[in-house]
Amino acid sequence: MSLLTSFSSLTTFVEPKAVLASRKEKHRIGIFGGTFNPIHNGQLIAAEQVCNQLGLDKIYFMPDAVPFGGTHENAVEPSERAEMIRLAIRGNSKLDIELTPIHDGGQQSTYHVLKKIVSEHPENDYYLILGAHLVRQVPAWDNAVSLTKLVHLVAIEEPGVAHTSDFDAIWVYVNWLSISSSDIRSHLRTHQSVRYLIPDVVAAYIAEYGLYQGRFL
């Protein structure tokens, strides 16, 4: 046996790193989008329960740059809403924040934002978390069919909203708290207590910077 033959017989073929990486189990990541004006305890509890029920590795809150559907025209600045999210999730390793829509200035549709995120992170498997009322609106969204092939739809059941969807969705039940951001803004504008509706650290931030004061909400 020649030296070359001997060496070849002992050589182990090493596959490209990309191929090896593709064979690893992907991380299961949730995307929870919204205006979060401001984020409240009901949303935090819902995210925690969805994360646990679906066995997700992490959920990213994704604040929009331009309020969805033209709602909340008087929303505070995206940077302020993002900072309140950071404060609210601090200390919870299962929750994080995704700022792509804000960095893009709100110019991209949900599909294009998620397409960018998915292409940049092929190691992840994404789950788009929506309330039941929003799931029913998905067919009217830009590139709806492509969107549902890009990510898994997760529908959070809501009281009084039909359990239906034009696309395959994973339906989950959470213990909803009867809290809304609009009620919180109204409380703040009229100087009522928001204790137990939002995290104390978020309330402190709002008070420090005088947010939601004097606005038509």
Protein backbone atom coordinates (compact mmCIF):
# COMPACT_ATOMS: atom_id res chain seq x y z
CA MET A 1 0.00 0.00 0.00
CA SER A 2 1.43 3.37 -1.00
CA LEU A 3 1.75 6.23 1.42
CA LEU A 4 -0.89 8.17 -0.53
CA THR A 5 -3.32 5.24 -0.44
CA SER A 6 -2.71 4.75 3.26
CA PHE A 7 -3.29 8.43 4.00
CA SER A 8 -6.49 8.51 1.94
CA SER A 9 -7.92 5.51 3.71
CA LEU A 10 -7.45 7.22 7.06
CA THR A 11 -8.87 10.57 6.00
CA THR A 12 -12.35 11.44 7.29
CA PHE A 13 -14.56 13.51 5.01
CA VAL A 14 -15.70 16.70 6.79
CA GLU A 15 -18.96 18.20 5.59
CA PRO A 16 -19.28 21.97 5.14
CA LYS A 17 -20.34 23.82 8.26
CA ALA A 18 -23.49 25.06 6.53
CA VAL A 19 -24.63 21.50 5.90
CA LEU A 20 -23.93 20.45 9.46
CA ALA A 21 -25.75 23.51 10.82
CA SER A 22 -28.82 22.76 8.71
CA ARG A 23 -29.10 19.36 10.35
CA LYS A 24 -29.25 20.78 13.85
CA GLU A 25 -32.63 21.26 15.42
CA LYS A 26 -33.75 24.83 14.85
CA HIS A 27 -34.55 27.24 17.66
CA ARG A 28 -38.28 27.86 18.05
CA ILE A 29 -38.81 31.62 18.13
CA GLY A 30 -42.05 33.52 18.62
CA ILE A 31 -42.74 36.97 17.16
CA PHE A 32 -45.37 39.01 19.01
CA GLY A 33 -46.07 42.20 17.05
CA GLY A 34 -48.11 45.22 18.04
CA THR A 35 -48.08 48.90 18.87
CA PHE A 36 -47.50 48.37 22.61
CA ASN A 37 -48.70 51.86 23.44
CA PRO A 38 -47.82 51.09 26.20
CA ILE A 39 -47.05 47.42 26.78
CA HIS A 40 -49.16 46.04 29.62
CA ASN A 41 -49.31 43.07 31.96
CA GLY A 42 -51.95 41.27 29.89
CA GLN A 43 -49.57 41.12 26.91
CA LEU A 44 -46.69 39.98 29.09
CA ILE A 45 -48.74 37.18 30.65
CA ALA A 46 -50.03 36.09 27.22
CA ALA A 47 -46.46 35.91 25.87
CA GLU A 48 -45.29 33.91 28.87
CA GLN A 49 -48.13 31.41 28.53
CA VAL A 50 -47.74 30.99 24.75
CA CYS A 51 -44.01 30.47 25.21
CA ASN A 52 -44.60 27.73 27.76
CA GLN A 53 -47.47 26.03 25.93
CA LEU A 54 -45.62 25.79 22.61
CA GLY A 55 -42.21 25.09 24.10
CA LEU A 56 -40.67 28.11 22.39
CA ASP A 57 -37.09 29.04 23.14
CA LYS A 58 -37.84 32.75 23.14
CA ILE A 59 -40.48 35.30 22.18
CA TYR A 60 -39.59 38.64 20.64
CA PHE A 61 -41.92 41.59 21.08
CA MET A 62 -41.88 43.48 17.75
CA PRO A 63 -43.18 47.06 18.08
CA ASP A 64 -44.31 48.70 14.86
CA ALA A 65 -42.92 52.00 13.64
CA VAL A 66 -46.26 53.07 12.21
CA PRO A 67 -49.31 51.92 14.20
CA PHE A 68 -51.03 49.03 12.44
CA GLY A 69 -54.00 49.96 10.28
CA GLY A 70 -53.67 53.65 11.16
CA THR A 71 -54.73 53.03 14.76
CA HIS A 72 -53.24 55.03 17.63
CA GLU A 73 -52.18 57.95 15.43
CA ASN A 74 -51.16 59.68 18.65
CA ALA A 75 -48.91 56.84 19.78
CA VAL A 76 -45.73 57.94 21.50
CA GLU A 77 -42.47 57.65 19.57
CA PRO A 78 -41.34 54.15 18.52
CA SER A 79 -38.14 54.57 20.56
CA GLU A 80 -40.20 55.28 23.69
CA ARG A 81 -42.46 52.29 23.13
CA ALA A 82 -39.41 50.11 22.54
CA GLU A 83 -37.78 51.33 25.75
CA MET A 84 -40.91 50.50 27.74
CA ILE A 85 -40.79 46.97 26.32
CA ARG A 86 -37.13 46.63 27.31
CA LEU A 87 -37.96 47.71 30.84
CA ALA A 88 -40.98 45.41 31.06
CA ILE A 89 -39.10 42.26 29.98
CA ARG A 90 -35.89 42.93 31.85
CA GLY A 91 -34.79 39.87 33.78
CA ASN A 92 -36.85 37.39 31.72
CA SER A 93 -34.50 35.40 29.48
CA LYS A 94 -37.44 34.02 27.50
CA LEU A 95 -38.51 37.46 26.27
CA ASP A 96 -36.66 39.86 23.97
CA ILE A 97 -37.30 42.68 21.50
CA GLU A 98 -37.12 42.80 17.69
CA LEU A 99 -36.61 46.27 16.19
CA THR A 100 -36.55 45.58 12.44
CA PRO A 101 -39.82 47.48 11.71
CA ILE A 102 -38.55 50.52 13.63
CA HIS A 103 -35.15 50.44 11.94
CA ASP A 104 -36.91 50.23 8.56
CA GLY A 105 -39.10 53.18 9.46
CA GLY A 106 -42.30 51.23 8.94
CA GLN A 107 -41.82 51.10 5.17
CA GLN A 108 -42.11 47.32 4.89
CA SER A 109 -45.13 45.05 5.21
CA THR A 110 -45.28 42.31 7.85
CA TYR A 111 -44.32 39.80 5.16
CA HIS A 112 -41.21 41.69 4.06
CA VAL A 113 -40.13 42.35 7.65
CA LEU A 114 -40.42 38.66 8.53
CA LYS A 115 -38.78 37.59 5.27
CA LYS A 116 -35.77 39.71 6.21
CA ILE A 117 -35.65 38.29 9.73
CA VAL A 118 -35.98 34.69 8.53
CA SER A 119 -33.28 35.12 5.86
CA GLU A 120 -30.87 36.58 8.42
CA HIS A 121 -31.52 33.80 10.93
CA PRO A 122 -31.88 30.45 9.13
CA GLU A 123 -31.10 28.72 12.42
CA ASN A 124 -34.55 29.70 13.72
CA ASP A 125 -38.07 28.44 13.12
CA TYR A 126 -40.50 31.35 13.53
CA TYR A 127 -44.00 31.51 15.02
CA LEU A 128 -46.06 34.65 14.39
CA ILE A 129 -48.30 35.24 17.40
CA LEU A 130 -51.61 36.99 16.72
CA GLY A 131 -54.87 37.55 18.53
CA ALA A 132 -57.82 35.66 17.03
CA HIS A 133 -59.27 38.85 15.52
CA LEU A 134 -56.03 39.54 13.64
CA VAL A 135 -55.73 35.98 12.35
CA ARG A 136 -59.03 36.48 10.56
CA GLN A 137 -57.56 39.57 8.82
CA VAL A 138 -54.45 37.81 7.51
CA PRO A 139 -55.98 36.95 4.08
CA ALA A 140 -56.14 40.71 3.34
CA TRP A 141 -52.47 41.26 4.18
CA ASP A 142 -49.73 41.79 1.63
CA ASN A 143 -48.36 38.43 0.37
CA ALA A 144 -50.57 36.54 2.82
CA VAL A 145 -50.03 33.10 1.26
CA SER A 146 -46.24 33.55 1.18
CA LEU A 147 -46.33 34.80 4.77
CA THR A 148 -48.03 31.62 5.98
CA LYS A 149 -45.36 29.54 4.25
CA LEU A 150 -42.61 31.60 5.83
CA VAL A 151 -43.74 31.32 9.46
CA HIS A 152 -46.16 29.32 11.59
CA LEU A 153 -49.30 31.22 12.55
CA VAL A 154 -50.22 31.13 16.23
CA ALA A 155 -53.73 32.28 17.12
CA ILE A 156 -54.51 33.31 20.68
CA GLU A 157 -58.15 32.60 21.45
CA GLU A 158 -60.15 35.67 22.40
CA PRO A 159 -63.53 35.85 24.16
CA GLY A 160 -66.32 36.32 21.64
CA VAL A 161 -64.12 35.85 18.57
CA ALA A 162 -64.84 32.86 16.31
CA HIS A 163 -62.30 30.06 16.30
CA THR A 164 -61.76 30.23 12.53
CA SER A 165 -58.93 30.97 10.10
CA ASP A 166 -58.45 30.78 6.34
CA PHE A 167 -54.95 29.43 6.95
CA ASP A 168 -53.54 26.70 9.15
CA ALA A 169 -52.92 28.08 12.61
CA ILE A 170 -51.89 26.78 16.01
CA TRP A 171 -54.64 27.80 18.42
CA VAL A 172 -53.69 28.45 22.03
CA TYR A 173 -55.69 29.46 25.07
CA VAL A 174 -54.32 31.94 27.59
CA ASN A 175 -55.76 33.40 30.77
CA TRP A 176 -56.61 36.80 29.32
CA LEU A 177 -56.57 39.77 31.63
CA SER A 178 -59.15 42.42 30.79
CA ILE A 179 -56.54 45.10 30.15
CA SER A 180 -56.21 47.38 27.15
CA SER A 181 -53.62 49.98 26.24
CA SER A 182 -56.38 52.46 25.40
CA ASP A 183 -57.79 52.18 28.93
CA ILE A 184 -54.32 52.64 30.37
CA ARG A 185 -53.77 55.78 28.28
CA SER A 186 -57.12 57.12 29.45
CA HIS A 187 -56.17 56.44 33.08
CA LEU A 188 -52.86 58.23 32.61
CA ARG A 189 -54.46 61.23 30.92
CA THR A 190 -56.94 61.61 33.77
CA HIS A 191 -54.33 60.93 36.45
CA GLN A 192 -55.85 57.63 37.62
CA SER A 193 -53.80 54.75 38.99
CA VAL A 194 -52.35 52.20 36.55
CA ARG A 195 -50.91 50.00 39.29
CA TYR A 196 -51.11 46.28 38.41
CA LEU A 197 -52.03 47.16 34.81
CA ILE A 198 -48.46 47.81 33.69
CA PRO A 199 -45.12 46.94 35.30
CA ASP A 200 -44.06 49.44 37.96
CA VAL A 201 -40.85 50.17 36.05
CA VAL A 202 -42.89 51.13 32.97
CA ALA A 203 -45.15 53.35 35.06
CA ALA A 204 -42.05 55.06 36.46
CA TYR A 205 -40.68 55.65 32.94
CA ILE A 206 -44.00 57.13 31.80
CA ALA A 207 -44.08 59.44 34.81
CA GLU A 208 -40.46 60.50 34.37
CA TYR A 209 -40.94 61.58 30.75
CA GLY A 210 -44.55 62.75 31.06
CA LEU A 211 -45.85 60.41 28.39
CA TYR A 212 -49.54 60.35 27.42
CA GLN A 213 -50.22 63.64 29.12
CA GLY A 214 -52.45 66.10 27.26
CA ARG A 215 -52.91 63.79 24.26
CA PHE A 216 -56.20 63.01 22.58
CA LEU A 217 -56.28 59.26 23.25
